[in-house]
Amino acid sequence: MFRSRWILLTLFAVVAVVAIYVGTNPEMASRYAAAQRDAALSADSKETITLLIGLAIAAYFGWFFFIRRH
């Protein structure tokens, strides 16, 4: 348990250092912002993904409550 806390603390420290570096370096910040814009989904894709997630949840509940046998 003690070892996993140190690993988690180290990961948080690395993320903080990278965030500070990216936030203070204008070139890296602009490249990161451009990557986020390029990876953004269109409204149609968001609606499709939301619909698929909703259908998956409904199918799981249907299986869990109606089809599954003890």
PDB file of N, CA and C in Angstrom:
ATOM      1  N   MET A   1       0.822  -1.192   0.000  1.00  0.00           N
ATOM      2  CA  MET A   1       0.000   0.000   0.000  1.00  0.00           C
ATOM      3  C   MET A   1       0.863   1.251   0.000  1.00  0.00           C
ATOM      4  N   PHE A   2       1.916   1.236   0.788  1.00  0.00           N
ATOM      5  CA  PHE A   2       2.795   2.392   0.892  1.00  0.00           C
ATOM      6  C   PHE A   2       3.478   2.674  -0.439  1.00  0.00           C
ATOM      7  N   ARG A   3       3.868   1.608  -1.147  1.00  0.00           N
ATOM      8  CA  ARG A   3       4.556   1.771  -2.424  1.00  0.00           C
ATOM      9  C   ARG A   3       3.636   2.380  -3.483  1.00  0.00           C
ATOM     10  N   SER A   4       2.367   1.968  -3.499  1.00  0.00           N
ATOM     11  CA  SER A   4       1.435   2.495  -4.493  1.00  0.00           C
ATOM     12  C   SER A   4       1.165   3.985  -4.275  1.00  0.00           C
ATOM     13  N   ARG A   5       1.223   4.439  -3.035  1.00  0.00           N
ATOM     14  CA  ARG A   5       1.041   5.882  -2.778  1.00  0.00           C
ATOM     15  C   ARG A   5       2.188   6.676  -3.381  1.00  0.00           C
ATOM     16  N   TRP A   6       3.411   6.151  -3.268  1.00  0.00           N
ATOM     17  CA  TRP A   6       4.553   6.856  -3.851  1.00  0.00           C
ATOM     18  C   TRP A   6       4.481   6.870  -5.369  1.00  0.00           C
ATOM     19  N   ILE A   7       4.013   5.791  -5.960  1.00  0.00           N
ATOM     20  CA  ILE A   7       3.862   5.754  -7.413  1.00  0.00           C
ATOM     21  C   ILE A   7       2.822   6.780  -7.849  1.00  0.00           C
ATOM     22  N   LEU A   8       1.699   6.838  -7.144  1.00  0.00           N
ATOM     23  CA  LEU A   8       0.651   7.798  -7.472  1.00  0.00           C
ATOM     24  C   LEU A   8       1.147   9.237  -7.290  1.00  0.00           C
ATOM     25  N   LEU A   9       1.863   9.493  -6.215  1.00  0.00           N
ATOM     26  CA  LEU A   9       2.418  10.820  -5.966  1.00  0.00           C
ATOM     27  C   LEU A   9       3.408  11.217  -7.058  1.00  0.00           C
ATOM     28  N   THR A  10       4.230  10.280  -7.494  1.00  0.00           N
ATOM     29  CA  THR A  10       5.187  10.547  -8.571  1.00  0.00           C
ATOM     30  C   THR A  10       4.473  10.865  -9.872  1.00  0.00           C
ATOM     31  N   LEU A  11       3.409  10.123 -10.186  1.00  0.00           N
ATOM     32  CA  LEU A  11       2.644  10.397 -11.401  1.00  0.00           C
ATOM     33  C   LEU A  11       2.017  11.789 -11.359  1.00  0.00           C
ATOM     34  N   PHE A  12       1.456  12.174 -10.223  1.00  0.00           N
ATOM     35  CA  PHE A  12       0.884  13.512 -10.091  1.00  0.00           C
ATOM     36  C   PHE A  12       1.953  14.591 -10.258  1.00  0.00           C
ATOM     37  N   ALA A  13       3.132  14.351  -9.710  1.00  0.00           N
ATOM     38  CA  ALA A  13       4.225  15.321  -9.846  1.00  0.00           C
ATOM     39  C   ALA A  13       4.654  15.461 -11.301  1.00  0.00           C
ATOM     40  N   VAL A  14       4.741  14.353 -12.008  1.00  0.00           N
ATOM     41  CA  VAL A  14       5.127  14.403 -13.428  1.00  0.00           C
ATOM     42  C   VAL A  14       4.081  15.156 -14.237  1.00  0.00           C
ATOM     43  N   VAL A  15       2.807  14.891 -13.970  1.00  0.00           N
ATOM     44  CA  VAL A  15       1.735  15.597 -14.685  1.00  0.00           C
ATOM     45  C   VAL A  15       1.800  17.095 -14.388  1.00  0.00           C
ATOM     46  N   ALA A  16       2.057  17.467 -13.158  1.00  0.00           N
ATOM     47  CA  ALA A  16       2.150  18.882 -12.797  1.00  0.00           C
ATOM     48  C   ALA A  16       3.317  19.554 -13.504  1.00  0.00           C
ATOM     49  N   VAL A  17       4.469  18.894 -13.559  1.00  0.00           N
ATOM     50  CA  VAL A  17       5.633  19.472 -14.226  1.00  0.00           C
ATOM     51  C   VAL A  17       5.365  19.637 -15.723  1.00  0.00           C
ATOM     52  N   VAL A  18       4.759  18.633 -16.347  1.00  0.00           N
ATOM     53  CA  VAL A  18       4.450  18.728 -17.778  1.00  0.00           C
ATOM     54  C   VAL A  18       3.436  19.836 -18.029  1.00  0.00           C
ATOM     55  N   ALA A  19       2.423  19.958 -17.172  1.00  0.00           N
ATOM     56  CA  ALA A  19       1.423  21.017 -17.336  1.00  0.00           C
ATOM     57  C   ALA A  19       2.055  22.396 -17.202  1.00  0.00           C
ATOM     58  N   ILE A  20       2.962  22.556 -16.269  1.00  0.00           N
ATOM     59  CA  ILE A  20       3.649  23.847 -16.108  1.00  0.00           C
ATOM     60  C   ILE A  20       4.505  24.138 -17.331  1.00  0.00           C
ATOM     61  N   TYR A  21       5.213  23.132 -17.825  1.00  0.00           N
ATOM     62  CA  TYR A  21       6.076  23.332 -18.993  1.00  0.00           C
ATOM     63  C   TYR A  21       5.254  23.697 -20.220  1.00  0.00           C
ATOM     64  N   VAL A  22       4.160  22.960 -20.461  1.00  0.00           N
ATOM     65  CA  VAL A  22       3.331  23.240 -21.632  1.00  0.00           C
ATOM     66  C   VAL A  22       2.644  24.597 -21.486  1.00  0.00           C
ATOM     67  N   GLY A  23       2.225  24.941 -20.273  1.00  0.00           N
ATOM     68  CA  GLY A  23       1.529  26.206 -20.063  1.00  0.00           C
ATOM     69  C   GLY A  23       2.424  27.422 -20.186  1.00  0.00           C
ATOM     70  N   THR A  24       3.707  27.288 -19.873  1.00  0.00           N
ATOM     71  CA  THR A  24       4.596  28.446 -19.916  1.00  0.00           C
ATOM     72  C   THR A  24       5.344  28.580 -21.237  1.00  0.00           C
ATOM     73  N   ASN A  25       5.393  27.512 -22.011  1.00  0.00           N
ATOM     74  CA  ASN A  25       6.071  27.560 -23.304  1.00  0.00           C
ATOM     75  C   ASN A  25       5.033  27.894 -24.379  1.00  0.00           C
ATOM     76  N   PRO A  26       5.096  29.101 -24.986  1.00  0.00           N
ATOM     77  CA  PRO A  26       4.049  29.507 -25.937  1.00  0.00           C
ATOM     78  C   PRO A  26       3.963  28.588 -27.162  1.00  0.00           C
ATOM     79  N   GLU A  27       5.092  28.111 -27.640  1.00  0.00           N
ATOM     80  CA  GLU A  27       5.070  27.245 -28.816  1.00  0.00           C
ATOM     81  C   GLU A  27       4.371  25.923 -28.495  1.00  0.00           C
ATOM     82  N   MET A  28       4.708  25.333 -27.354  1.00  0.00           N
ATOM     83  CA  MET A  28       4.069  24.076 -26.954  1.00  0.00           C
ATOM     84  C   MET A  28       2.581  24.297 -26.673  1.00  0.00           C
ATOM     85  N   ALA A  29       2.240  25.423 -26.068  1.00  0.00           N
ATOM     86  CA  ALA A  29       0.838  25.700 -25.762  1.00  0.00           C
ATOM     87  C   ALA A  29       0.017  25.839 -27.045  1.00  0.00           C
ATOM     88  N   SER A  30       0.567  26.508 -28.050  1.00  0.00           N
ATOM     89  CA  SER A  30      -0.165  26.664 -29.307  1.00  0.00           C
ATOM     90  C   SER A  30      -0.281  25.329 -30.035  1.00  0.00           C
ATOM     91  N   ARG A  31       0.749  24.505 -29.977  1.00  0.00           N
ATOM     92  CA  ARG A  31       0.672  23.176 -30.602  1.00  0.00           C
ATOM     93  C   ARG A  31      -0.362  22.309 -29.893  1.00  0.00           C
ATOM     94  N   TYR A  32      -0.419  22.401 -28.573  1.00  0.00           N
ATOM     95  CA  TYR A  32      -1.397  21.642 -27.807  1.00  0.00           C
ATOM     96  C   TYR A  32      -2.818  22.111 -28.117  1.00  0.00           C
ATOM     97  N   ALA A  33      -3.019  23.417 -28.212  1.00  0.00           N
ATOM     98  CA  ALA A  33      -4.342  23.959 -28.537  1.00  0.00           C
ATOM     99  C   ALA A  33      -4.771  23.531 -29.938  1.00  0.00           C
ATOM    100  N   ALA A  34      -3.826  23.539 -30.891  1.00  0.00           N
ATOM    101  CA  ALA A  34      -4.141  23.097 -32.250  1.00  0.00           C
ATOM    102  C   ALA A  34      -4.500  21.614 -32.270  1.00  0.00           C
ATOM    103  N   ALA A  35      -3.805  20.820 -31.498  1.00  0.00           N
ATOM    104  CA  ALA A  35      -4.115  19.386 -31.435  1.00  0.00           C
ATOM    105  C   ALA A  35      -5.499  19.160 -30.849  1.00  0.00           C
ATOM    106  N   GLN A  36      -5.878  19.953 -29.842  1.00  0.00           N
ATOM    107  CA  GLN A  36      -7.219  19.828 -29.267  1.00  0.00           C
ATOM    108  C   GLN A  36      -8.287  20.232 -30.269  1.00  0.00           C
ATOM    109  N   ARG A  37      -8.052  21.297 -31.025  1.00  0.00           N
ATOM    110  CA  ARG A  37      -9.021  21.716 -32.046  1.00  0.00           C
ATOM    111  C   ARG A  37      -9.168  20.661 -33.127  1.00  0.00           C
ATOM    112  N   ASP A  38      -8.069  20.060 -33.548  1.00  0.00           N
ATOM    113  CA  ASP A  38      -8.121  19.048 -34.599  1.00  0.00           C
ATOM    114  C   ASP A  38      -8.827  17.779 -34.131  1.00  0.00           C
ATOM    115  N   ALA A  39      -8.738  17.483 -32.845  1.00  0.00           N
ATOM    116  CA  ALA A  39      -9.332  16.257 -32.319  1.00  0.00           C
ATOM    117  C   ALA A  39     -10.791  16.440 -31.916  1.00  0.00           C
ATOM    118  N   ALA A  40     -11.300  17.661 -31.974  1.00  0.00           N
ATOM    119  CA  ALA A  40     -12.679  17.921 -31.558  1.00  0.00           C
ATOM    120  C   ALA A  40     -13.654  17.247 -32.527  1.00  0.00           C
ATOM    121  N   LEU A  41     -14.727  16.702 -31.980  1.00  0.00           N
ATOM    122  CA  LEU A  41     -15.730  16.030 -32.795  1.00  0.00           C
ATOM    123  C   LEU A  41     -16.777  17.027 -33.273  1.00  0.00           C
ATOM    124  N   SER A  42     -17.357  16.727 -34.409  1.00  0.00           N
ATOM    125  CA  SER A  42     -18.442  17.573 -34.902  1.00  0.00           C
ATOM    126  C   SER A  42     -19.707  17.286 -34.096  1.00  0.00           C
ATOM    127  N   ALA A  43     -20.713  18.105 -34.254  1.00  0.00           N
ATOM    128  CA  ALA A  43     -21.969  17.935 -33.509  1.00  0.00           C
ATOM    129  C   ALA A  43     -22.653  16.626 -33.904  1.00  0.00           C
ATOM    130  N   ASP A  44     -22.605  16.280 -35.193  1.00  0.00           N
ATOM    131  CA  ASP A  44     -23.219  15.026 -35.643  1.00  0.00           C
ATOM    132  C   ASP A  44     -22.529  13.815 -35.020  1.00  0.00           C
ATOM    133  N   SER A  45     -21.191  13.861 -34.943  1.00  0.00           N
ATOM    134  CA  SER A  45     -20.479  12.724 -34.338  1.00  0.00           C
ATOM    135  C   SER A  45     -20.798  12.617 -32.869  1.00  0.00           C
ATOM    136  N   LYS A  46     -20.915  13.760 -32.172  1.00  0.00           N
ATOM    137  CA  LYS A  46     -21.247  13.719 -30.751  1.00  0.00           C
ATOM    138  C   LYS A  46     -22.627  13.109 -30.533  1.00  0.00           C
ATOM    139  N   GLU A  47     -23.592  13.484 -31.376  1.00  0.00           N
ATOM    140  CA  GLU A  47     -24.938  12.926 -31.251  1.00  0.00           C
ATOM    141  C   GLU A  47     -24.938  11.427 -31.528  1.00  0.00           C
ATOM    142  N   THR A  48     -24.185  11.004 -32.530  1.00  0.00           N
ATOM    143  CA  THR A  48     -24.111   9.581 -32.860  1.00  0.00           C
ATOM    144  C   THR A  48     -23.478   8.783 -31.720  1.00  0.00           C
ATOM    145  N   ILE A  49     -22.395   9.303 -31.167  1.00  0.00           N
ATOM    146  CA  ILE A  49     -21.722   8.613 -30.068  1.00  0.00           C
ATOM    147  C   ILE A  49     -22.621   8.563 -28.843  1.00  0.00           C
ATOM    148  N   THR A  50     -23.323   9.651 -28.549  1.00  0.00           N
ATOM    149  CA  THR A  50     -24.248   9.660 -27.416  1.00  0.00           C
ATOM    150  C   THR A  50     -25.364   8.641 -27.622  1.00  0.00           C
ATOM    151  N   LEU A  51     -25.887   8.555 -28.828  1.00  0.00           N
ATOM    152  CA  LEU A  51     -26.931   7.579 -29.137  1.00  0.00           C
ATOM    153  C   LEU A  51     -26.406   6.152 -28.959  1.00  0.00           C
ATOM    154  N   LEU A  52     -25.202   5.872 -29.453  1.00  0.00           N
ATOM    155  CA  LEU A  52     -24.629   4.529 -29.314  1.00  0.00           C
ATOM    156  C   LEU A  52     -24.388   4.163 -27.847  1.00  0.00           C
ATOM    157  N   ILE A  53     -23.913   5.116 -27.062  1.00  0.00           N
ATOM    158  CA  ILE A  53     -23.714   4.862 -25.628  1.00  0.00           C
ATOM    159  C   ILE A  53     -25.048   4.591 -24.951  1.00  0.00           C
ATOM    160  N   GLY A  54     -26.075   5.372 -25.293  1.00  0.00           N
ATOM    161  CA  GLY A  54     -27.410   5.159 -24.732  1.00  0.00           C
ATOM    162  C   GLY A  54     -27.972   3.794 -25.112  1.00  0.00           C
ATOM    163  N   LEU A  55     -27.777   3.382 -26.369  1.00  0.00           N
ATOM    164  CA  LEU A  55     -28.243   2.063 -26.792  1.00  0.00           C
ATOM    165  C   LEU A  55     -27.491   0.948 -26.080  1.00  0.00           C
ATOM    166  N   ALA A  56     -26.203   1.142 -25.869  1.00  0.00           N
ATOM    167  CA  ALA A  56     -25.415   0.134 -25.163  1.00  0.00           C
ATOM    168  C   ALA A  56     -25.891  -0.003 -23.711  1.00  0.00           C
ATOM    169  N   ILE A  57     -26.178   1.113 -23.067  1.00  0.00           N
ATOM    170  CA  ILE A  57     -26.674   1.074 -21.688  1.00  0.00           C
ATOM    171  C   ILE A  57     -28.048   0.413 -21.634  1.00  0.00           C
ATOM    172  N   ALA A  58     -28.922   0.759 -22.580  1.00  0.00           N
ATOM    173  CA  ALA A  58     -30.257   0.160 -22.625  1.00  0.00           C
ATOM    174  C   ALA A  58     -30.165  -1.343 -22.893  1.00  0.00           C
ATOM    175  N   ALA A  59     -29.265  -1.749 -23.781  1.00  0.00           N
ATOM    176  CA  ALA A  59     -29.097  -3.178 -24.061  1.00  0.00           C
ATOM    177  C   ALA A  59     -28.586  -3.908 -22.825  1.00  0.00           C
ATOM    178  N   TYR A  60     -27.664  -3.302 -22.112  1.00  0.00           N
ATOM    179  CA  TYR A  60     -27.159  -3.934 -20.889  1.00  0.00           C
ATOM    180  C   TYR A  60     -28.270  -4.097 -19.865  1.00  0.00           C
ATOM    181  N   PHE A  61     -29.056  -3.047 -19.645  1.00  0.00           N
ATOM    182  CA  PHE A  61     -30.161  -3.150 -18.690  1.00  0.00           C
ATOM    183  C   PHE A  61     -31.182  -4.194 -19.145  1.00  0.00           C
ATOM    184  N   GLY A  62     -31.453  -4.232 -20.456  1.00  0.00           N
ATOM    185  CA  GLY A  62     -32.360  -5.253 -20.972  1.00  0.00           C
ATOM    186  C   GLY A  62     -31.840  -6.650 -20.717  1.00  0.00           C
ATOM    187  N   TRP A  63     -30.565  -6.864 -20.967  1.00  0.00           N
ATOM    188  CA  TRP A  63     -29.972  -8.169 -20.686  1.00  0.00           C
ATOM    189  C   TRP A  63     -30.013  -8.466 -19.191  1.00  0.00           C
ATOM    190  N   PHE A  64     -29.680  -7.478 -18.386  1.00  0.00           N
ATOM    191  CA  PHE A  64     -29.554  -7.698 -16.944  1.00  0.00           C
ATOM    192  C   PHE A  64     -30.912  -8.028 -16.317  1.00  0.00           C
ATOM    193  N   PHE A  65     -31.954  -7.310 -16.715  1.00  0.00           N
ATOM    194  CA  PHE A  65     -33.246  -7.474 -16.044  1.00  0.00           C
ATOM    195  C   PHE A  65     -34.158  -8.500 -16.715  1.00  0.00           C
ATOM    196  N   PHE A  66     -34.039  -8.719 -18.030  1.00  0.00           N
ATOM    197  CA  PHE A  66     -35.025  -9.558 -18.715  1.00  0.00           C
ATOM    198  C   PHE A  66     -34.481 -10.887 -19.244  1.00  0.00           C
ATOM    199  N   ILE A  67     -33.253 -10.903 -19.691  1.00  0.00           N
ATOM    200  CA  ILE A  67     -32.727 -12.097 -20.340  1.00  0.00           C
ATOM    201  C   ILE A  67     -31.896 -12.952 -19.387  1.00  0.00           C
ATOM    202  N   ARG A  68     -31.177 -12.332 -18.506  1.00  0.00           N
ATOM    203  CA  ARG A  68     -30.276 -13.072 -17.610  1.00  0.00           C
ATOM    204  C   ARG A  68     -31.079 -14.001 -16.711  1.00  0.00           C
ATOM    205  N   ARG A  69     -30.614 -15.217 -16.620  1.00  0.00           N
ATOM    206  CA  ARG A  69     -31.278 -16.207 -15.755  1.00  0.00           C
ATOM    207  C   ARG A  69     -30.368 -16.545 -14.601  1.00  0.00           C
ATOM    208  N   HIS A  70     -30.962 -16.821 -13.464  1.00  0.00           N
ATOM    209  CA  HIS A  70     -30.178 -17.191 -12.279  1.00  0.00           C
ATOM    210  C   HIS A  70     -29.889 -18.670 -12.295  1.00  0.00           C
TER     211      HIS A  70
END
